[in-house]
Structures are given as structure tokens and as C-alpha cells.
mmCIF file of all heavy atoms, coordinates in Angstrom:
data_MODEL
# 
_entry.id   MODEL 
# 
loop_
_atom_site.group_PDB 
_atom_site.id 
_atom_site.type_symbol 
_atom_site.label_atom_id 
_atom_site.label_alt_id 
_atom_site.label_comp_id 
_atom_site.label_asym_id 
_atom_site.label_entity_id 
_atom_site.label_seq_id 
_atom_site.pdbx_PDB_ins_code 
_atom_site.Cartn_x 
_atom_site.Cartn_y 
_atom_site.Cartn_z 
_atom_site.occupancy 
_atom_site.B_iso_or_equiv 
_atom_site.pdbx_formal_charge 
_atom_site.auth_seq_id 
_atom_site.auth_comp_id 
_atom_site.auth_asym_id 
_atom_site.auth_atom_id 
_atom_site.pdbx_PDB_model_num 
ATOM 1   N N   . SER A 1 1  ? -115.217 40.591 99.759  1.00 0.00 ? 1  SER A N   1 
ATOM 2   C CA  . SER A 1 1  ? -114.695 39.212 99.964  1.00 0.00 ? 1  SER A CA  1 
ATOM 3   C C   . SER A 1 1  ? -115.625 38.241 99.244  1.00 0.00 ? 1  SER A C   1 
ATOM 4   O O   . SER A 1 1  ? -116.848 38.355 99.393  1.00 0.00 ? 1  SER A O   1 
ATOM 5   C CB  . SER A 1 1  ? -114.620 38.889 101.480 1.00 0.00 ? 1  SER A CB  1 
ATOM 6   O OG  . SER A 1 1  ? -113.671 39.723 102.118 1.00 0.00 ? 1  SER A OG  1 
ATOM 7   N N   . LEU A 1 2  ? -115.056 37.326 98.482  1.00 0.00 ? 2  LEU A N   1 
ATOM 8   C CA  . LEU A 1 2  ? -115.840 36.456 97.619  1.00 0.00 ? 2  LEU A CA  1 
ATOM 9   C C   . LEU A 1 2  ? -115.715 34.984 97.981  1.00 0.00 ? 2  LEU A C   1 
ATOM 10  O O   . LEU A 1 2  ? -114.637 34.534 98.375  1.00 0.00 ? 2  LEU A O   1 
ATOM 11  C CB  . LEU A 1 2  ? -115.402 36.598 96.153  1.00 0.00 ? 2  LEU A CB  1 
ATOM 12  C CG  . LEU A 1 2  ? -115.417 37.967 95.491  1.00 0.00 ? 2  LEU A CG  1 
ATOM 13  C CD1 . LEU A 1 2  ? -115.021 37.831 94.019  1.00 0.00 ? 2  LEU A CD1 1 
ATOM 14  C CD2 . LEU A 1 2  ? -116.793 38.638 95.635  1.00 0.00 ? 2  LEU A CD2 1 
ATOM 15  N N   . LYS A 1 3  ? -116.811 34.283 97.846  1.00 0.00 ? 3  LYS A N   1 
ATOM 16  C CA  . LYS A 1 3  ? -116.791 32.812 97.719  1.00 0.00 ? 3  LYS A CA  1 
ATOM 17  C C   . LYS A 1 3  ? -117.080 32.513 96.272  1.00 0.00 ? 3  LYS A C   1 
ATOM 18  O O   . LYS A 1 3  ? -118.120 32.926 95.749  1.00 0.00 ? 3  LYS A O   1 
ATOM 19  C CB  . LYS A 1 3  ? -117.822 32.135 98.627  1.00 0.00 ? 3  LYS A CB  1 
ATOM 20  C CG  . LYS A 1 3  ? -117.912 30.616 98.343  1.00 0.00 ? 3  LYS A CG  1 
ATOM 21  C CD  . LYS A 1 3  ? -118.956 29.909 99.169  1.00 0.00 ? 3  LYS A CD  1 
ATOM 22  C CE  . LYS A 1 3  ? -119.011 28.444 98.829  1.00 0.00 ? 3  LYS A CE  1 
ATOM 23  N NZ  . LYS A 1 3  ? -119.978 27.695 99.649  1.00 0.00 ? 3  LYS A NZ  1 
ATOM 24  N N   . VAL A 1 4  ? -116.180 31.799 95.615  1.00 0.00 ? 4  VAL A N   1 
ATOM 25  C CA  . VAL A 1 4  ? -116.355 31.461 94.195  1.00 0.00 ? 4  VAL A CA  1 
ATOM 26  C C   . VAL A 1 4  ? -116.905 30.032 94.092  1.00 0.00 ? 4  VAL A C   1 
ATOM 27  O O   . VAL A 1 4  ? -116.259 29.079 94.550  1.00 0.00 ? 4  VAL A O   1 
ATOM 28  C CB  . VAL A 1 4  ? -115.037 31.555 93.446  1.00 0.00 ? 4  VAL A CB  1 
ATOM 29  C CG1 . VAL A 1 4  ? -115.212 31.158 91.995  1.00 0.00 ? 4  VAL A CG1 1 
ATOM 30  C CG2 . VAL A 1 4  ? -114.464 32.976 93.507  1.00 0.00 ? 4  VAL A CG2 1 
ATOM 31  N N   . TYR A 1 5  ? -118.113 29.942 93.539  1.00 0.00 ? 5  TYR A N   1 
ATOM 32  C CA  . TYR A 1 5  ? -118.705 28.617 93.336  1.00 0.00 ? 5  TYR A CA  1 
ATOM 33  C C   . TYR A 1 5  ? -118.118 27.904 92.111  1.00 0.00 ? 5  TYR A C   1 
ATOM 34  O O   . TYR A 1 5  ? -117.936 26.725 92.121  1.00 0.00 ? 5  TYR A O   1 
ATOM 35  C CB  . TYR A 1 5  ? -120.222 28.739 93.191  1.00 0.00 ? 5  TYR A CB  1 
ATOM 36  C CG  . TYR A 1 5  ? -120.922 29.329 94.366  1.00 0.00 ? 5  TYR A CG  1 
ATOM 37  C CD1 . TYR A 1 5  ? -121.328 30.647 94.402  1.00 0.00 ? 5  TYR A CD1 1 
ATOM 38  C CD2 . TYR A 1 5  ? -121.182 28.519 95.492  1.00 0.00 ? 5  TYR A CD2 1 
ATOM 39  C CE1 . TYR A 1 5  ? -121.981 31.175 95.519  1.00 0.00 ? 5  TYR A CE1 1 
ATOM 40  C CE2 . TYR A 1 5  ? -121.815 29.062 96.615  1.00 0.00 ? 5  TYR A CE2 1 
ATOM 41  C CZ  . TYR A 1 5  ? -122.205 30.365 96.618  1.00 0.00 ? 5  TYR A CZ  1 
ATOM 42  O OH  . TYR A 1 5  ? -122.839 30.887 97.734  1.00 0.00 ? 5  TYR A OH  1 
ATOM 43  N N   . GLY A 1 6  ? -117.885 28.681 91.066  1.00 0.00 ? 6  GLY A N   1 
ATOM 44  C CA  . GLY A 1 6  ? -117.343 28.127 89.844  1.00 0.00 ? 6  GLY A CA  1 
ATOM 45  C C   . GLY A 1 6  ? -117.458 29.138 88.711  1.00 0.00 ? 6  GLY A C   1 
ATOM 46  O O   . GLY A 1 6  ? -117.875 30.278 88.910  1.00 0.00 ? 6  GLY A O   1 
ATOM 47  N N   . ALA A 1 7  ? -117.001 28.721 87.522  1.00 0.00 ? 7  ALA A N   1 
ATOM 48  C CA  . ALA A 1 7  ? -117.053 29.585 86.379  1.00 0.00 ? 7  ALA A CA  1 
ATOM 49  C C   . ALA A 1 7  ? -117.373 28.754 85.142  1.00 0.00 ? 7  ALA A C   1 
ATOM 50  O O   . ALA A 1 7  ? -117.027 27.561 85.074  1.00 0.00 ? 7  ALA A O   1 
ATOM 51  C CB  . ALA A 1 7  ? -115.707 30.293 86.203  1.00 0.00 ? 7  ALA A CB  1 
ATOM 52  N N   . ARG A 1 8  ? -117.985 29.406 84.162  1.00 0.00 ? 8  ARG A N   1 
ATOM 53  C CA  . ARG A 1 8  ? -118.420 28.652 82.984  1.00 0.00 ? 8  ARG A CA  1 
ATOM 54  C C   . ARG A 1 8  ? -118.442 29.559 81.765  1.00 0.00 ? 8  ARG A C   1 
ATOM 55  O O   . ARG A 1 8  ? -118.801 30.750 81.871  1.00 0.00 ? 8  ARG A O   1 
ATOM 56  C CB  . ARG A 1 8  ? -119.836 28.083 83.245  1.00 0.00 ? 8  ARG A CB  1 
ATOM 57  C CG  . ARG A 1 8  ? -120.353 27.202 82.105  1.00 0.00 ? 8  ARG A CG  1 
ATOM 58  C CD  . ARG A 1 8  ? -121.626 26.452 82.565  1.00 0.00 ? 8  ARG A CD  1 
ATOM 59  N NE  . ARG A 1 8  ? -121.312 25.461 83.571  1.00 0.00 ? 8  ARG A NE  1 
ATOM 60  C CZ  . ARG A 1 8  ? -122.188 24.620 84.075  1.00 0.00 ? 8  ARG A CZ  1 
ATOM 61  N NH1 . ARG A 1 8  ? -123.464 24.688 83.691  1.00 0.00 ? 8  ARG A NH1 1 
ATOM 62  N NH2 . ARG A 1 8  ? -121.838 23.699 84.960  1.00 0.00 ? 8  ARG A NH2 1 
ATOM 63  N N   . GLU A 1 9  ? -118.059 29.009 80.647  1.00 0.00 ? 9  GLU A N   1 
ATOM 64  C CA  . GLU A 1 9  ? -118.137 29.731 79.385  1.00 0.00 ? 9  GLU A CA  1 
ATOM 65  C C   . GLU A 1 9  ? -119.573 29.841 78.935  1.00 0.00 ? 9  GLU A C   1 
ATOM 66  O O   . GLU A 1 9  ? -120.354 28.869 78.987  1.00 0.00 ? 9  GLU A O   1 
ATOM 67  C CB  . GLU A 1 9  ? -117.352 29.012 78.277  1.00 0.00 ? 9  GLU A CB  1 
ATOM 68  C CG  . GLU A 1 9  ? -115.849 28.905 78.521  1.00 0.00 ? 9  GLU A CG  1 
ATOM 69  C CD  . GLU A 1 9  ? -115.151 30.241 78.322  1.00 0.00 ? 9  GLU A CD  1 
ATOM 70  O OE1 . GLU A 1 9  ? -115.800 31.176 77.805  1.00 0.00 ? 9  GLU A OE1 1 
ATOM 71  O OE2 . GLU A 1 9  ? -113.976 30.339 78.698  1.00 0.00 ? 9  GLU A OE2 1 
ATOM 72  N N   . LYS A 1 10 ? -120.007 31.078 78.552  1.00 0.00 ? 10 LYS A N   1 
ATOM 73  C CA  . LYS A 1 10 ? -121.360 31.292 78.110  1.00 0.00 ? 10 LYS A CA  1 
ATOM 74  C C   . LYS A 1 10 ? -121.415 32.458 77.134  1.00 0.00 ? 10 LYS A C   1 
ATOM 75  O O   . LYS A 1 10 ? -121.053 33.590 77.490  1.00 0.00 ? 10 LYS A O   1 
ATOM 76  C CB  . LYS A 1 10 ? -122.268 31.541 79.310  1.00 0.00 ? 10 LYS A CB  1 
ATOM 77  C CG  . LYS A 1 10 ? -123.749 31.656 78.954  1.00 0.00 ? 10 LYS A CG  1 
ATOM 78  C CD  . LYS A 1 10 ? -124.610 31.824 80.192  1.00 0.00 ? 10 LYS A CD  1 
ATOM 79  C CE  . LYS A 1 10 ? -126.098 31.917 79.825  1.00 0.00 ? 10 LYS A CE  1 
ATOM 80  N NZ  . LYS A 1 10 ? -126.952 32.110 81.034  1.00 0.00 ? 10 LYS A NZ  1 
ATOM 81  N N   . GLU A 1 11 ? -121.877 32.172 75.925  1.00 0.00 ? 11 GLU A N   1 
ATOM 82  C CA  . GLU A 1 11 ? -122.102 33.167 74.897  1.00 0.00 ? 11 GLU A CA  1 
ATOM 83  C C   . GLU A 1 11 ? -120.886 34.085 74.656  1.00 0.00 ? 11 GLU A C   1 
ATOM 84  O O   . GLU A 1 11 ? -120.981 35.276 74.565  1.00 0.00 ? 11 GLU A O   1 
ATOM 85  C CB  . GLU A 1 11 ? -123.334 34.043 75.292  1.00 0.00 ? 11 GLU A CB  1 
ATOM 86  C CG  . GLU A 1 11 ? -124.604 33.223 75.381  1.00 0.00 ? 11 GLU A CG  1 
ATOM 87  C CD  . GLU A 1 11 ? -125.799 34.033 75.857  1.00 0.00 ? 11 GLU A CD  1 
ATOM 88  O OE1 . GLU A 1 11 ? -125.598 35.219 76.181  1.00 0.00 ? 11 GLU A OE1 1 
ATOM 89  O OE2 . GLU A 1 11 ? -126.922 33.510 75.903  1.00 0.00 ? 11 GLU A OE2 1 
ATOM 90  N N   . GLY A 1 12 ? -119.717 33.446 74.624  1.00 0.00 ? 12 GLY A N   1 
ATOM 91  C CA  . GLY A 1 12 ? -118.492 34.169 74.328  1.00 0.00 ? 12 GLY A CA  1 
ATOM 92  C C   . GLY A 1 12 ? -117.797 34.817 75.522  1.00 0.00 ? 12 GLY A C   1 
ATOM 93  O O   . GLY A 1 12 ? -116.726 35.414 75.356  1.00 0.00 ? 12 GLY A O   1 
ATOM 94  N N   . TYR A 1 13 ? -118.397 34.731 76.677  1.00 0.00 ? 13 TYR A N   1 
ATOM 95  C CA  . TYR A 1 13 ? -117.833 35.286 77.901  1.00 0.00 ? 13 TYR A CA  1 
ATOM 96  C C   . TYR A 1 13 ? -117.623 34.187 78.922  1.00 0.00 ? 13 TYR A C   1 
ATOM 97  O O   . TYR A 1 13 ? -118.077 33.057 78.762  1.00 0.00 ? 13 TYR A O   1 
ATOM 98  C CB  . TYR A 1 13 ? -118.738 36.360 78.485  1.00 0.00 ? 13 TYR A CB  1 
ATOM 99  C CG  . TYR A 1 13 ? -118.948 37.579 77.632  1.00 0.00 ? 13 TYR A CG  1 
ATOM 100 C CD1 . TYR A 1 13 ? -120.070 37.684 76.822  1.00 0.00 ? 13 TYR A CD1 1 
ATOM 101 C CD2 . TYR A 1 13 ? -117.988 38.583 77.570  1.00 0.00 ? 13 TYR A CD2 1 
ATOM 102 C CE1 . TYR A 1 13 ? -120.259 38.789 76.002  1.00 0.00 ? 13 TYR A CE1 1 
ATOM 103 C CE2 . TYR A 1 13 ? -118.169 39.700 76.775  1.00 0.00 ? 13 TYR A CE2 1 
ATOM 104 C CZ  . TYR A 1 13 ? -119.292 39.784 75.967  1.00 0.00 ? 13 TYR A CZ  1 
ATOM 105 O OH  . TYR A 1 13 ? -119.483 40.884 75.149  1.00 0.00 ? 13 TYR A OH  1 
ATOM 106 N N   . THR A 1 14 ? -116.904 34.487 80.030  1.00 0.00 ? 14 THR A N   1 
ATOM 107 C CA  . THR A 1 14 ? -116.779 33.595 81.139  1.00 0.00 ? 14 THR A CA  1 
ATOM 108 C C   . THR A 1 14 ? -117.579 34.165 82.298  1.00 0.00 ? 14 THR A C   1 
ATOM 109 O O   . THR A 1 14 ? -117.235 35.275 82.764  1.00 0.00 ? 14 THR A O   1 
ATOM 110 C CB  . THR A 1 14 ? -115.286 33.422 81.561  1.00 0.00 ? 14 THR A CB  1 
ATOM 111 O OG1 . THR A 1 14 ? -114.575 32.884 80.464  1.00 0.00 ? 14 THR A OG1 1 
ATOM 112 C CG2 . THR A 1 14 ? -115.198 32.452 82.746  1.00 0.00 ? 14 THR A CG2 1 
ATOM 113 N N   . GLU A 1 15 ? -118.586 33.453 82.754  1.00 0.00 ? 15 GLU A N   1 
ATOM 114 C CA  . GLU A 1 15 ? -119.364 33.891 83.889  1.00 0.00 ? 15 GLU A CA  1 
ATOM 115 C C   . GLU A 1 15 ? -118.781 33.246 85.148  1.00 0.00 ? 15 GLU A C   1 
ATOM 116 O O   . GLU A 1 15 ? -118.564 32.042 85.194  1.00 0.00 ? 15 GLU A O   1 
ATOM 117 C CB  . GLU A 1 15 ? -120.838 33.475 83.747  1.00 0.00 ? 15 GLU A CB  1 
ATOM 118 C CG  . GLU A 1 15 ? -121.572 34.282 82.640  1.00 0.00 ? 15 GLU A CG  1 
ATOM 119 C CD  . GLU A 1 15 ? -123.052 34.092 82.662  1.00 0.00 ? 15 GLU A CD  1 
ATOM 120 O OE1 . GLU A 1 15 ? -123.549 33.131 83.276  1.00 0.00 ? 15 GLU A OE1 1 
ATOM 121 O OE2 . GLU A 1 15 ? -123.761 34.915 82.071  1.00 0.00 ? 15 GLU A OE2 1 
ATOM 122 N N   . ILE A 1 16 ? -118.548 34.087 86.156  1.00 0.00 ? 16 ILE A N   1 
ATOM 123 C CA  . ILE A 1 16 ? -118.037 33.620 87.432  1.00 0.00 ? 16 ILE A CA  1 
ATOM 124 C C   . ILE A 1 16 ? -119.155 33.757 88.463  1.00 0.00 ? 16 ILE A C   1 
ATOM 125 O O   . ILE A 1 16 ? -119.718 34.843 88.650  1.00 0.00 ? 16 ILE A O   1 
ATOM 126 C CB  . ILE A 1 16 ? -116.790 34.411 87.871  1.00 0.00 ? 16 ILE A CB  1 
ATOM 127 C CG1 . ILE A 1 16 ? -115.748 34.392 86.743  1.00 0.00 ? 16 ILE A CG1 1 
ATOM 128 C CG2 . ILE A 1 16 ? -116.227 33.848 89.157  1.00 0.00 ? 16 ILE A CG2 1 
ATOM 129 C CD1 . ILE A 1 16 ? -114.515 35.273 87.047  1.00 0.00 ? 16 ILE A CD1 1 
ATOM 130 N N   . TYR A 1 17 ? -119.471 32.665 89.148  1.00 0.00 ? 17 TYR A N   1 
ATOM 131 C CA  . TYR A 1 17 ? -120.613 32.636 90.064  1.00 0.00 ? 17 TYR A CA  1 
ATOM 132 C C   . TYR A 1 17 ? -120.059 32.753 91.509  1.00 0.00 ? 17 TYR A C   1 
ATOM 133 O O   . TYR A 1 17 ? -119.287 31.877 91.946  1.00 0.00 ? 17 TYR A O   1 
ATOM 134 C CB  . TYR A 1 17 ? -121.397 31.373 89.875  1.00 0.00 ? 17 TYR A CB  1 
ATOM 135 C CG  . TYR A 1 17 ? -121.713 31.146 88.386  1.00 0.00 ? 17 TYR A CG  1 
ATOM 136 C CD1 . TYR A 1 17 ? -121.037 30.194 87.643  1.00 0.00 ? 17 TYR A CD1 1 
ATOM 137 C CD2 . TYR A 1 17 ? -122.684 31.943 87.759  1.00 0.00 ? 17 TYR A CD2 1 
ATOM 138 C CE1 . TYR A 1 17 ? -121.293 30.025 86.313  1.00 0.00 ? 17 TYR A CE1 1 
ATOM 139 C CE2 . TYR A 1 17 ? -122.949 31.761 86.395  1.00 0.00 ? 17 TYR A CE2 1 
ATOM 140 C CZ  . TYR A 1 17 ? -122.245 30.816 85.672  1.00 0.00 ? 17 TYR A CZ  1 
ATOM 141 O OH  . TYR A 1 17 ? -122.513 30.655 84.323  1.00 0.00 ? 17 TYR A OH  1 
ATOM 142 N N   . VAL A 1 18 ? -120.452 33.804 92.184  1.00 0.00 ? 18 VAL A N   1 
ATOM 143 C CA  . VAL A 1 18 ? -119.835 34.104 93.497  1.00 0.00 ? 18 VAL A CA  1 
ATOM 144 C C   . VAL A 1 18 ? -120.873 34.521 94.501  1.00 0.00 ? 18 VAL A C   1 
ATOM 145 O O   . VAL A 1 18 ? -122.000 34.886 94.164  1.00 0.00 ? 18 VAL A O   1 
ATOM 146 C CB  . VAL A 1 18 ? -118.793 35.259 93.378  1.00 0.00 ? 18 VAL A CB  1 
ATOM 147 C CG1 . VAL A 1 18 ? -117.750 34.947 92.311  1.00 0.00 ? 18 VAL A CG1 1 
ATOM 148 C CG2 . VAL A 1 18 ? -119.455 36.627 93.104  1.00 0.00 ? 18 VAL A CG2 1 
ATOM 149 N N   . TRP A 1 19 ? -120.484 34.465 95.781  1.00 0.00 ? 19 TRP A N   1 
ATOM 150 C CA  . TRP A 1 19 ? -121.194 35.174 96.843  1.00 0.00 ? 19 TRP A CA  1 
ATOM 151 C C   . TRP A 1 19 ? -120.277 36.309 97.272  1.00 0.00 ? 19 TRP A C   1 
ATOM 152 O O   . TRP A 1 19 ? -119.082 36.127 97.551  1.00 0.00 ? 19 TRP A O   1 
ATOM 153 C CB  . TRP A 1 19 ? -121.475 34.270 98.050  1.00 0.00 ? 19 TRP A CB  1 
ATOM 154 C CG  . TRP A 1 19 ? -122.418 34.928 99.021  1.00 0.00 ? 19 TRP A CG  1 
ATOM 155 C CD1 . TRP A 1 19 ? -122.140 35.944 99.891  1.00 0.00 ? 19 TRP A CD1 1 
ATOM 156 C CD2 . TRP A 1 19 ? -123.823 34.654 99.202  1.00 0.00 ? 19 TRP A CD2 1 
ATOM 157 N NE1 . TRP A 1 19 ? -123.254 36.336 100.584 1.00 0.00 ? 19 TRP A NE1 1 
ATOM 158 C CE2 . TRP A 1 19 ? -124.313 35.527 100.231 1.00 0.00 ? 19 TRP A CE2 1 
ATOM 159 C CE3 . TRP A 1 19 ? -124.679 33.719 98.643  1.00 0.00 ? 19 TRP A CE3 1 
ATOM 160 C CZ2 . TRP A 1 19 ? -125.611 35.522 100.646 1.00 0.00 ? 19 TRP A CZ2 1 
ATOM 161 C CZ3 . TRP A 1 19 ? -126.020 33.707 99.059  1.00 0.00 ? 19 TRP A CZ3 1 
ATOM 162 C CH2 . TRP A 1 19 ? -126.453 34.600 100.064 1.00 0.00 ? 19 TRP A CH2 1 
ATOM 163 N N   . ASP A 1 20 ? -120.795 37.521 97.319  1.00 0.00 ? 20 ASP A N   1 
ATOM 164 C CA  . ASP A 1 20 ? -120.015 38.694 97.623  1.00 0.00 ? 20 ASP A CA  1 
ATOM 165 C C   . ASP A 1 20 ? -120.438 39.324 98.915  1.00 0.00 ? 20 ASP A C   1 
ATOM 166 O O   . ASP A 1 20 ? -121.617 39.721 99.061  1.00 0.00 ? 20 ASP A O   1 
ATOM 167 C CB  . ASP A 1 20 ? -120.101 39.713 96.473  1.00 0.00 ? 20 ASP A CB  1 
ATOM 168 C CG  . ASP A 1 20 ? -119.433 41.022 96.791  1.00 0.00 ? 20 ASP A CG  1 
ATOM 169 O OD1 . ASP A 1 20 ? -118.336 41.009 97.368  1.00 0.00 ? 20 ASP A OD1 1 
ATOM 170 O OD2 . ASP A 1 20 ? -120.001 42.097 96.474  1.00 0.00 ? 20 ASP A OD2 1 
ATOM 171 N N   . LEU A 1 21 ? -119.524 39.484 99.872  1.00 0.00 ? 21 LEU A N   1 
ATOM 172 C CA  . LEU A 1 21 ? -119.733 40.287 101.064 1.00 0.00 ? 21 LEU A CA  1 
ATOM 173 C C   . LEU A 1 21 ? -119.021 41.582 100.833 1.00 0.00 ? 21 LEU A C   1 
ATOM 174 O O   . LEU A 1 21 ? -117.776 41.618 100.703 1.00 0.00 ? 21 LEU A O   1 
ATOM 175 C CB  . LEU A 1 21 ? -119.184 39.600 102.307 1.00 0.00 ? 21 LEU A CB  1 
ATOM 176 C CG  . LEU A 1 21 ? -119.340 40.421 103.594 1.00 0.00 ? 21 LEU A CG  1 
ATOM 177 C CD1 . LEU A 1 21 ? -120.787 40.554 104.019 1.00 0.00 ? 21 LEU A CD1 1 
ATOM 178 C CD2 . LEU A 1 21 ? -118.523 39.803 104.738 1.00 0.00 ? 21 LEU A CD2 1 
ATOM 179 N N   . SER A 1 22 ? -119.753 42.675 100.715 1.00 0.00 ? 22 SER A N   1 
ATOM 180 C CA  . SER A 1 22 ? -119.176 44.003 100.441 1.00 0.00 ? 22 SER A CA  1 
ATOM 181 C C   . SER A 1 22 ? -119.498 44.953 101.545 1.00 0.00 ? 22 SER A C   1 
ATOM 182 O O   . SER A 1 22 ? -120.641 44.999 102.029 1.00 0.00 ? 22 SER A O   1 
ATOM 183 C CB  . SER A 1 22 ? -119.717 44.540 99.105  1.00 0.00 ? 22 SER A CB  1 
ATOM 184 O OG  . SER A 1 22 ? -119.163 45.792 98.788  1.00 0.00 ? 22 SER A OG  1 
ATOM 185 N N   . GLY A 1 23 ? -118.517 45.775 101.949 1.00 0.00 ? 23 GLY A N   1 
ATOM 186 C CA  . GLY A 1 23 ? -118.728 46.715 103.021 1.00 0.00 ? 23 GLY A CA  1 
ATOM 187 C C   . GLY A 1 23 ? -117.941 48.008 102.752 1.00 0.00 ? 23 GLY A C   1 
ATOM 188 O O   . GLY A 1 23 ? -116.792 47.948 102.279 1.00 0.00 ? 23 GLY A O   1 
ATOM 189 N N   . ASP A 1 24 ? -118.567 49.150 103.059 1.00 0.00 ? 24 ASP A N   1 
ATOM 190 C CA  . ASP A 1 24 ? -117.908 50.436 102.965 1.00 0.00 ? 24 ASP A CA  1 
ATOM 191 C C   . ASP A 1 24 ? -117.535 50.842 104.387 1.00 0.00 ? 24 ASP A C   1 
ATOM 192 O O   . ASP A 1 24 ? -118.405 50.958 105.240 1.00 0.00 ? 24 ASP A O   1 
ATOM 193 C CB  . ASP A 1 24 ? -118.879 51.470 102.317 1.00 0.00 ? 24 ASP A CB  1 
ATOM 194 C CG  . ASP A 1 24 ? -119.342 51.068 100.965 1.00 0.00 ? 24 ASP A CG  1 
ATOM 195 O OD1 . ASP A 1 24 ? -118.465 50.767 100.117 1.00 0.00 ? 24 ASP A OD1 1 
ATOM 196 O OD2 . ASP A 1 24 ? -120.540 51.063 100.733 1.00 0.00 ? 24 ASP A OD2 1 
# 
């Protein structure tokens, strides 16, 4: 489950800045 702070173009890619809660 993600919280997305934002996204930005950088060096030809799109970086997405998130907080990730991951569980198995």
C-alpha cells in the first residue's frame, strides 16, 4: 500500500516518491 508524495522527471526517467507499507 502506497502513499504517493509526487513524481518528477529526472535524467530521462520519471521518479515516483512514495511511502510503502509492504507485508507478506
